[in-house]
Amino acid sequence: MPKLTIEDLKKLRDAARKSTSLREGETTVKITVHMGTCGIAAGAREVMDSLLEEMAEADRQDIRVMTAGCMGMCSSEPNVTVEAKGQAPVIYQHMDRNRMRQVFKRHVLLGEVQTDFALARMK
């Protein structure tokens, strides 16, 4: 295996910085699909597939998609958290393909929180 040069390490560092948090300034929205075993059993994979389809169609580089484990609210799975820069995070519950599309198009792209299936709005 070839040795890494300083330039290789700098490239790796820059790539990692680009893919991290909202504080970096390059990301305006972070969407977390909670994919613990309870979420997956409730349909989180289909929710993620739907989200990725919407992301590909929108072609936005300022939106990050992440996965996380269970939030401890198994009865409300699949859950999705949307964190938009300058706004309180919103946790959506009982998500499915259609709800994910609606949240993406209305909340993520237009800033309209979808209160019909919002579980909580953090401070």
C-alpha atoms as a PDB file:
ATOM      1  CA  MET A   1       0.000   0.000   0.000  1.00  0.00           C
ATOM      2  CA  PRO A   2       1.464   3.402  -0.944  1.00  0.00           C
ATOM      3  CA  LYS A   3       2.273   5.907   1.777  1.00  0.00           C
ATOM      4  CA  LEU A   4       0.065   8.944   2.151  1.00  0.00           C
ATOM      5  CA  THR A   5       1.662  12.286   1.451  1.00  0.00           C
ATOM      6  CA  ILE A   6       0.916  15.538   3.224  1.00  0.00           C
ATOM      7  CA  GLU A   7      -1.066  16.600   0.160  1.00  0.00           C
ATOM      8  CA  ASP A   8      -3.154  13.400   0.330  1.00  0.00           C
ATOM      9  CA  LEU A   9      -3.914  14.090   3.991  1.00  0.00           C
ATOM     10  CA  LYS A  10      -4.930  17.676   3.210  1.00  0.00           C
ATOM     11  CA  LYS A  11      -7.315  16.432   0.522  1.00  0.00           C
ATOM     12  CA  LEU A  12      -8.855  13.949   2.962  1.00  0.00           C
ATOM     13  CA  ARG A  13      -9.212  16.688   5.579  1.00  0.00           C
ATOM     14  CA  ASP A  14     -10.909  19.045   3.117  1.00  0.00           C
ATOM     15  CA  ALA A  15     -13.316  16.329   1.977  1.00  0.00           C
ATOM     16  CA  ALA A  16     -14.237  15.534   5.597  1.00  0.00           C
ATOM     17  CA  ARG A  17     -14.822  19.213   6.370  1.00  0.00           C
ATOM     18  CA  LYS A  18     -17.184  19.546   3.428  1.00  0.00           C
ATOM     19  CA  SER A  19     -19.345  16.689   4.659  1.00  0.00           C
ATOM     20  CA  THR A  20     -19.758  17.854   8.252  1.00  0.00           C
ATOM     21  CA  SER A  21     -22.161  19.961  10.254  1.00  0.00           C
ATOM     22  CA  LEU A  22     -24.221  23.041   9.646  1.00  0.00           C
ATOM     23  CA  ARG A  23     -21.640  25.186  11.421  1.00  0.00           C
ATOM     24  CA  GLU A  24     -19.240  24.923   8.489  1.00  0.00           C
ATOM     25  CA  GLY A  25     -21.359  27.323   6.445  1.00  0.00           C
ATOM     26  CA  GLU A  26     -21.590  25.084   3.409  1.00  0.00           C
ATOM     27  CA  THR A  27     -24.651  23.176   4.571  1.00  0.00           C
ATOM     28  CA  THR A  28     -27.962  24.928   5.149  1.00  0.00           C
ATOM     29  CA  VAL A  29     -30.093  21.880   5.959  1.00  0.00           C
ATOM     30  CA  LYS A  30     -29.308  18.575   7.655  1.00  0.00           C
ATOM     31  CA  ILE A  31     -31.848  15.747   7.392  1.00  0.00           C
ATOM     32  CA  THR A  32     -31.444  12.773   9.722  1.00  0.00           C
ATOM     33  CA  VAL A  33     -33.326   9.558   9.066  1.00  0.00           C
ATOM     34  CA  HIS A  34     -33.429   7.533  12.285  1.00  0.00           C
ATOM     35  CA  MET A  35     -32.613   3.980  11.264  1.00  0.00           C
ATOM     36  CA  GLY A  36     -32.430   1.907  14.404  1.00  0.00           C
ATOM     37  CA  THR A  37     -33.884  -1.586  14.131  1.00  0.00           C
ATOM     38  CA  CYS A  38     -37.319  -0.295  15.140  1.00  0.00           C
ATOM     39  CA  GLY A  39     -37.158   2.408  12.451  1.00  0.00           C
ATOM     40  CA  ILE A  40     -36.054  -0.029   9.775  1.00  0.00           C
ATOM     41  CA  ALA A  41     -38.833  -2.437  10.734  1.00  0.00           C
ATOM     42  CA  ALA A  42     -41.324   0.449  10.460  1.00  0.00           C
ATOM     43  CA  GLY A  43     -40.121   1.472   6.973  1.00  0.00           C
ATOM     44  CA  ALA A  44     -37.130   3.805   7.411  1.00  0.00           C
ATOM     45  CA  ARG A  45     -35.331   2.284   4.403  1.00  0.00           C
ATOM     46  CA  GLU A  46     -38.213   3.252   2.109  1.00  0.00           C
ATOM     47  CA  VAL A  47     -38.226   6.741   3.648  1.00  0.00           C
ATOM     48  CA  MET A  48     -34.483   7.039   2.969  1.00  0.00           C
ATOM     49  CA  ASP A  49     -34.924   5.814  -0.620  1.00  0.00           C
ATOM     50  CA  SER A  50     -37.629   8.430  -1.183  1.00  0.00           C
ATOM     51  CA  LEU A  51     -35.443  11.160   0.310  1.00  0.00           C
ATOM     52  CA  LEU A  52     -32.489  10.217  -1.873  1.00  0.00           C
ATOM     53  CA  GLU A  53     -34.709  10.308  -4.977  1.00  0.00           C
ATOM     54  CA  GLU A  54     -35.885  13.816  -4.051  1.00  0.00           C
ATOM     55  CA  MET A  55     -32.293  14.901  -3.365  1.00  0.00           C
ATOM     56  CA  ALA A  56     -31.155  13.682  -6.775  1.00  0.00           C
ATOM     57  CA  GLU A  57     -34.006  15.542  -8.459  1.00  0.00           C
ATOM     58  CA  ALA A  58     -33.377  18.792  -6.550  1.00  0.00           C
ATOM     59  CA  ASP A  59     -29.587  18.669  -7.124  1.00  0.00           C
ATOM     60  CA  ARG A  60     -28.836  20.784  -4.048  1.00  0.00           C
ATOM     61  CA  GLN A  61     -25.304  20.657  -2.665  1.00  0.00           C
ATOM     62  CA  ASP A  62     -26.175  22.501   0.558  1.00  0.00           C
ATOM     63  CA  ILE A  63     -28.339  19.695   2.001  1.00  0.00           C
ATOM     64  CA  ARG A  64     -26.797  16.860   4.014  1.00  0.00           C
ATOM     65  CA  VAL A  65     -28.499  13.540   4.661  1.00  0.00           C
ATOM     66  CA  MET A  66     -27.446  11.474   7.646  1.00  0.00           C
ATOM     67  CA  THR A  67     -28.591   8.371   9.476  1.00  0.00           C
ATOM     68  CA  ALA A  68     -28.842   7.824  13.194  1.00  0.00           C
ATOM     69  CA  GLY A  69     -30.029   5.120  15.516  1.00  0.00           C
ATOM     70  CA  CYS A  70     -33.217   4.925  17.507  1.00  0.00           C
ATOM     71  CA  MET A  71     -34.390   8.028  19.351  1.00  0.00           C
ATOM     72  CA  GLY A  72     -36.154   5.937  21.980  1.00  0.00           C
ATOM     73  CA  MET A  73     -39.573   6.729  20.533  1.00  0.00           C
ATOM     74  CA  CYS A  74     -40.188   3.427  18.795  1.00  0.00           C
ATOM     75  CA  SER A  75     -43.956   3.878  18.647  1.00  0.00           C
ATOM     76  CA  SER A  76     -43.543   6.922  16.386  1.00  0.00           C
ATOM     77  CA  GLU A  77     -41.076   5.389  13.899  1.00  0.00           C
ATOM     78  CA  PRO A  78     -39.951   6.017  11.241  1.00  0.00           C
ATOM     79  CA  ASN A  79     -38.713   9.390  12.512  1.00  0.00           C
ATOM     80  CA  VAL A  80     -36.917  12.072  10.530  1.00  0.00           C
ATOM     81  CA  THR A  81     -35.273  15.189  11.957  1.00  0.00           C
ATOM     82  CA  VAL A  82     -34.907  18.309   9.808  1.00  0.00           C
ATOM     83  CA  GLU A  83     -32.413  20.944  10.964  1.00  0.00           C
ATOM     84  CA  ALA A  84     -32.439  24.103   8.863  1.00  0.00           C
ATOM     85  CA  LYS A  85     -29.903  26.823   9.533  1.00  0.00           C
ATOM     86  CA  GLY A  86     -31.388  29.535  11.722  1.00  0.00           C
ATOM     87  CA  GLN A  87     -34.485  27.493  12.638  1.00  0.00           C
ATOM     88  CA  ALA A  88     -35.405  25.109  15.426  1.00  0.00           C
ATOM     89  CA  PRO A  89     -35.004  21.415  14.504  1.00  0.00           C
ATOM     90  CA  VAL A  90     -38.245  19.555  13.752  1.00  0.00           C
ATOM     91  CA  ILE A  91     -38.806  15.844  14.374  1.00  0.00           C
ATOM     92  CA  TYR A  92     -41.340  14.210  12.077  1.00  0.00           C
ATOM     93  CA  GLN A  93     -43.066  10.960  13.021  1.00  0.00           C
ATOM     94  CA  HIS A  94     -44.758   8.055  11.242  1.00  0.00           C
ATOM     95  CA  MET A  95     -42.962   8.917   8.017  1.00  0.00           C
ATOM     96  CA  ASP A  96     -43.530   7.099   4.738  1.00  0.00           C
ATOM     97  CA  ARG A  97     -42.491   7.737   1.131  1.00  0.00           C
ATOM     98  CA  ASN A  98     -45.177  10.340   0.463  1.00  0.00           C
ATOM     99  CA  ARG A  99     -44.702  12.197   3.729  1.00  0.00           C
ATOM    100  CA  MET A 100     -40.956  12.317   3.118  1.00  0.00           C
ATOM    101  CA  ARG A 101     -41.533  13.820  -0.317  1.00  0.00           C
ATOM    102  CA  GLN A 102     -43.880  16.406   1.204  1.00  0.00           C
ATOM    103  CA  VAL A 103     -41.434  17.312   3.992  1.00  0.00           C
ATOM    104  CA  PHE A 104     -38.609  17.633   1.491  1.00  0.00           C
ATOM    105  CA  LYS A 105     -40.529  19.777  -0.985  1.00  0.00           C
ATOM    106  CA  ARG A 106     -42.307  21.990   1.534  1.00  0.00           C
ATOM    107  CA  HIS A 107     -40.108  22.148   4.628  1.00  0.00           C
ATOM    108  CA  VAL A 108     -36.610  21.632   3.252  1.00  0.00           C
ATOM    109  CA  LEU A 109     -37.017  23.550  -0.001  1.00  0.00           C
ATOM    110  CA  LEU A 110     -39.656  26.141   0.989  1.00  0.00           C
ATOM    111  CA  GLY A 111     -39.255  26.432   4.779  1.00  0.00           C
ATOM    112  CA  GLU A 112     -42.846  25.431   5.609  1.00  0.00           C
ATOM    113  CA  VAL A 113     -42.946  23.136   8.662  1.00  0.00           C
ATOM    114  CA  GLN A 114     -45.430  20.311   8.098  1.00  0.00           C
ATOM    115  CA  THR A 115     -47.249  20.455  11.434  1.00  0.00           C
ATOM    116  CA  ASP A 116     -49.675  17.633  10.567  1.00  0.00           C
ATOM    117  CA  PHE A 117     -47.041  15.020  11.362  1.00  0.00           C
ATOM    118  CA  ALA A 118     -44.443  16.934  13.343  1.00  0.00           C
ATOM    119  CA  LEU A 119     -43.737  15.176  16.626  1.00  0.00           C
ATOM    120  CA  ALA A 120     -41.696  17.973  18.199  1.00  0.00           C
ATOM    121  CA  ARG A 121     -40.045  21.266  17.484  1.00  0.00           C
ATOM    122  CA  MET A 122     -36.846  21.718  19.471  1.00  0.00           C
ATOM    123  CA  LYS A 123     -35.546  25.018  20.842  1.00  0.00           C
END
